[in-house]
Amino acid sequence: QVQLVESGGGLVQAGGSLRLSCAASGRTFYTMGWFRQAPGKERDFVGAISGIGGSTYYADSVKGRFTISRDNAKNTVYLQMNSLKPEDTAVYFCAADRSIAAARPPYRMDYWGKGTLVTVSS
């Protein structure tokens, strides 16, 4: 059974940091990534990481502040979030796909976690 389980969300003040984790089980994935959805808004791409080589891709809104990484031995992907802003407040979703194509726009993913809430206060 394929499962993606996020953890690490919480409440943090602006300028602070959080580290999200996503543990995958049931299969391995070529592409893993993160998306987020703020209240009343559409789900947006945050970042993705591909293959064993670990090439990374980021939305302009988070580039330079967020870092995505993966531990293939643990089948886990991470999102280190620094210099957090109130506009980063959202439910963050882990996503994954077995295809190479998922590592480039539009970053279409077939498997999704249930999300973890990140709230950044000002």
C-alpha atoms as a PDB file:
ATOM      1  CA  GLN A   1       0.000   0.000   0.000  1.00  0.00           C
ATOM      2  CA  VAL A   2       1.425   3.387  -1.038  1.00  0.00           C
ATOM      3  CA  GLN A   3       1.454   6.046   1.665  1.00  0.00           C
ATOM      4  CA  LEU A   4       2.957   9.523   2.009  1.00  0.00           C
ATOM      5  CA  VAL A   5       2.919  10.907   5.547  1.00  0.00           C
ATOM      6  CA  GLU A   6       3.943  14.507   6.286  1.00  0.00           C
ATOM      7  CA  SER A   7       5.167  15.790   9.636  1.00  0.00           C
ATOM      8  CA  GLY A   8       6.838  18.870  11.100  1.00  0.00           C
ATOM      9  CA  GLY A   9       4.188  21.536  10.620  1.00  0.00           C
ATOM     10  CA  GLY A  10       3.324  24.008  13.327  1.00  0.00           C
ATOM     11  CA  LEU A  11       3.181  27.630  14.420  1.00  0.00           C
ATOM     12  CA  VAL A  12       6.221  29.850  13.957  1.00  0.00           C
ATOM     13  CA  GLN A  13       6.898  33.583  14.015  1.00  0.00           C
ATOM     14  CA  ALA A  14       7.940  35.466  10.901  1.00  0.00           C
ATOM     15  CA  GLY A  15      11.645  35.032  10.271  1.00  0.00           C
ATOM     16  CA  GLY A  16      11.722  31.624  11.901  1.00  0.00           C
ATOM     17  CA  SER A  17      12.332  28.170  10.481  1.00  0.00           C
ATOM     18  CA  LEU A  18      10.599  24.820  10.191  1.00  0.00           C
ATOM     19  CA  ARG A  19      11.616  21.496   8.696  1.00  0.00           C
ATOM     20  CA  LEU A  20       8.963  19.316   7.100  1.00  0.00           C
ATOM     21  CA  SER A  21       9.402  15.602   6.518  1.00  0.00           C
ATOM     22  CA  CYS A  22       7.541  13.196   4.266  1.00  0.00           C
ATOM     23  CA  ALA A  23       7.970   9.465   4.714  1.00  0.00           C
ATOM     24  CA  ALA A  24       6.972   7.337   1.742  1.00  0.00           C
ATOM     25  CA  SER A  25       6.150   3.656   1.883  1.00  0.00           C
ATOM     26  CA  GLY A  26       4.931   0.978  -0.478  1.00  0.00           C
ATOM     27  CA  ARG A  27       7.207   1.874  -3.398  1.00  0.00           C
ATOM     28  CA  THR A  28      10.079   4.111  -4.436  1.00  0.00           C
ATOM     29  CA  PHE A  29       9.589   7.289  -6.501  1.00  0.00           C
ATOM     30  CA  TYR A  30      11.734   9.056  -9.072  1.00  0.00           C
ATOM     31  CA  THR A  31      10.245  12.474  -8.317  1.00  0.00           C
ATOM     32  CA  MET A  32       9.202  13.786  -4.924  1.00  0.00           C
ATOM     33  CA  GLY A  33       8.068  17.274  -4.066  1.00  0.00           C
ATOM     34  CA  TRP A  34       6.079  19.731  -2.030  1.00  0.00           C
ATOM     35  CA  PHE A  35       2.984  21.788  -2.757  1.00  0.00           C
ATOM     36  CA  ARG A  36       0.995  24.179  -0.596  1.00  0.00           C
ATOM     37  CA  GLN A  37      -2.534  25.518  -0.410  1.00  0.00           C
ATOM     38  CA  ALA A  38      -3.496  28.675   1.465  1.00  0.00           C
ATOM     39  CA  PRO A  39      -7.100  29.224   2.622  1.00  0.00           C
ATOM     40  CA  GLY A  40      -9.343  30.084  -0.324  1.00  0.00           C
ATOM     41  CA  LYS A  41      -6.562  29.651  -2.869  1.00  0.00           C
ATOM     42  CA  GLU A  42      -5.456  27.008  -5.352  1.00  0.00           C
ATOM     43  CA  ARG A  43      -2.769  24.473  -4.607  1.00  0.00           C
ATOM     44  CA  ASP A  44       0.623  25.781  -5.744  1.00  0.00           C
ATOM     45  CA  PHE A  45       3.939  24.133  -6.508  1.00  0.00           C
ATOM     46  CA  VAL A  46       6.701  24.736  -3.947  1.00  0.00           C
ATOM     47  CA  GLY A  47       9.596  22.499  -4.924  1.00  0.00           C
ATOM     48  CA  ALA A  48      10.612  19.141  -6.341  1.00  0.00           C
ATOM     49  CA  ILE A  49      13.608  16.844  -6.310  1.00  0.00           C
ATOM     50  CA  SER A  50      14.416  14.198  -8.908  1.00  0.00           C
ATOM     51  CA  GLY A  51      16.090  10.821  -9.043  1.00  0.00           C
ATOM     52  CA  ILE A  52      19.171   9.620  -7.243  1.00  0.00           C
ATOM     53  CA  GLY A  53      21.158  12.647  -8.426  1.00  0.00           C
ATOM     54  CA  GLY A  54      18.836  14.965  -6.547  1.00  0.00           C
ATOM     55  CA  SER A  55      18.327  17.854  -8.982  1.00  0.00           C
ATOM     56  CA  THR A  56      16.087  20.442  -7.337  1.00  0.00           C
ATOM     57  CA  TYR A  57      13.477  22.875  -8.625  1.00  0.00           C
ATOM     58  CA  TYR A  58      11.721  25.704  -6.766  1.00  0.00           C
ATOM     59  CA  ALA A  59       8.916  28.175  -7.150  1.00  0.00           C
ATOM     60  CA  ASP A  60      10.174  31.760  -7.383  1.00  0.00           C
ATOM     61  CA  SER A  61       8.297  32.640  -4.202  1.00  0.00           C
ATOM     62  CA  VAL A  62      10.447  30.312  -2.068  1.00  0.00           C
ATOM     63  CA  LYS A  63      13.754  30.166  -3.939  1.00  0.00           C
ATOM     64  CA  GLY A  64      16.647  31.120  -1.672  1.00  0.00           C
ATOM     65  CA  ARG A  65      14.616  30.477   1.487  1.00  0.00           C
ATOM     66  CA  PHE A  66      13.474  26.850   1.157  1.00  0.00           C
ATOM     67  CA  THR A  67      15.624  23.800   0.497  1.00  0.00           C
ATOM     68  CA  ILE A  68      14.342  20.412  -0.592  1.00  0.00           C
ATOM     69  CA  SER A  69      16.342  17.232  -0.032  1.00  0.00           C
ATOM     70  CA  ARG A  70      15.810  13.477   0.067  1.00  0.00           C
ATOM     71  CA  ASP A  71      17.200  10.436   1.809  1.00  0.00           C
ATOM     72  CA  ASN A  72      16.716   7.546  -0.585  1.00  0.00           C
ATOM     73  CA  ALA A  73      17.732   4.945   1.999  1.00  0.00           C
ATOM     74  CA  LYS A  74      14.824   6.116   4.152  1.00  0.00           C
ATOM     75  CA  ASN A  75      12.532   6.902   1.205  1.00  0.00           C
ATOM     76  CA  THR A  76      11.967  10.322   2.764  1.00  0.00           C
ATOM     77  CA  VAL A  77      11.861  13.863   1.395  1.00  0.00           C
ATOM     78  CA  TYR A  78      12.443  17.014   3.451  1.00  0.00           C
ATOM     79  CA  LEU A  79      11.628  20.697   3.121  1.00  0.00           C
ATOM     80  CA  GLN A  80      13.783  23.066   5.160  1.00  0.00           C
ATOM     81  CA  MET A  81      11.975  26.399   5.400  1.00  0.00           C
ATOM     82  CA  ASN A  82      13.938  29.454   6.544  1.00  0.00           C
ATOM     83  CA  SER A  83      13.070  33.152   6.774  1.00  0.00           C
ATOM     84  CA  LEU A  84       9.392  32.301   6.906  1.00  0.00           C
ATOM     85  CA  LYS A  85       6.840  34.956   6.000  1.00  0.00           C
ATOM     86  CA  PRO A  86       3.143  35.236   6.895  1.00  0.00           C
ATOM     87  CA  GLU A  87       2.303  34.564   3.238  1.00  0.00           C
ATOM     88  CA  ASP A  88       3.912  31.125   3.615  1.00  0.00           C
ATOM     89  CA  THR A  89       0.976  30.104   5.818  1.00  0.00           C
ATOM     90  CA  ALA A  90      -0.683  27.109   4.170  1.00  0.00           C
ATOM     91  CA  VAL A  91      -1.294  23.407   4.308  1.00  0.00           C
ATOM     92  CA  TYR A  92       1.819  21.786   2.864  1.00  0.00           C
ATOM     93  CA  PHE A  93       1.378  18.588   0.882  1.00  0.00           C
ATOM     94  CA  CYS A  94       3.976  15.990   0.047  1.00  0.00           C
ATOM     95  CA  ALA A  95       3.672  14.492  -3.429  1.00  0.00           C
ATOM     96  CA  ALA A  96       5.472  11.854  -5.473  1.00  0.00           C
ATOM     97  CA  ASP A  97       5.553  10.219  -8.879  1.00  0.00           C
ATOM     98  CA  ARG A  98       7.406   7.367 -10.551  1.00  0.00           C
ATOM     99  CA  SER A  99       7.952   9.297 -13.792  1.00  0.00           C
ATOM    100  CA  ILE A 100      10.869  11.436 -14.905  1.00  0.00           C
ATOM    101  CA  ALA A 101       8.453  13.927 -16.471  1.00  0.00           C
ATOM    102  CA  ALA A 102       7.096  14.841 -13.039  1.00  0.00           C
ATOM    103  CA  ALA A 103      10.423  16.554 -12.250  1.00  0.00           C
ATOM    104  CA  ARG A 104       9.640  19.395 -14.658  1.00  0.00           C
ATOM    105  CA  PRO A 105       6.641  21.716 -15.151  1.00  0.00           C
ATOM    106  CA  PRO A 106       3.776  21.236 -14.542  1.00  0.00           C
ATOM    107  CA  TYR A 107       5.134  18.806 -11.913  1.00  0.00           C
ATOM    108  CA  ARG A 108       2.216  16.432 -12.177  1.00  0.00           C
ATOM    109  CA  MET A 109       2.208  13.971  -9.289  1.00  0.00           C
ATOM    110  CA  ASP A 110       0.106  10.835  -8.922  1.00  0.00           C
ATOM    111  CA  TYR A 111       0.535  10.259  -5.183  1.00  0.00           C
ATOM    112  CA  TRP A 112      -0.282  12.697  -2.405  1.00  0.00           C
ATOM    113  CA  GLY A 113      -0.091  12.960   1.360  1.00  0.00           C
ATOM    114  CA  LYS A 114      -2.840  14.446   3.498  1.00  0.00           C
ATOM    115  CA  GLY A 115      -0.929  17.610   4.375  1.00  0.00           C
ATOM    116  CA  THR A 116       0.554  19.353   7.399  1.00  0.00           C
ATOM    117  CA  LEU A 117      -0.387  22.872   8.500  1.00  0.00           C
ATOM    118  CA  VAL A 118       2.228  25.621   8.675  1.00  0.00           C
ATOM    119  CA  THR A 119       1.158  28.895  10.278  1.00  0.00           C
ATOM    120  CA  VAL A 120       3.491  31.908  10.258  1.00  0.00           C
ATOM    121  CA  SER A 121       2.526  34.756  12.560  1.00  0.00           C
ATOM    122  CA  SER A 122       3.562  38.393  12.160  1.00  0.00           C
END
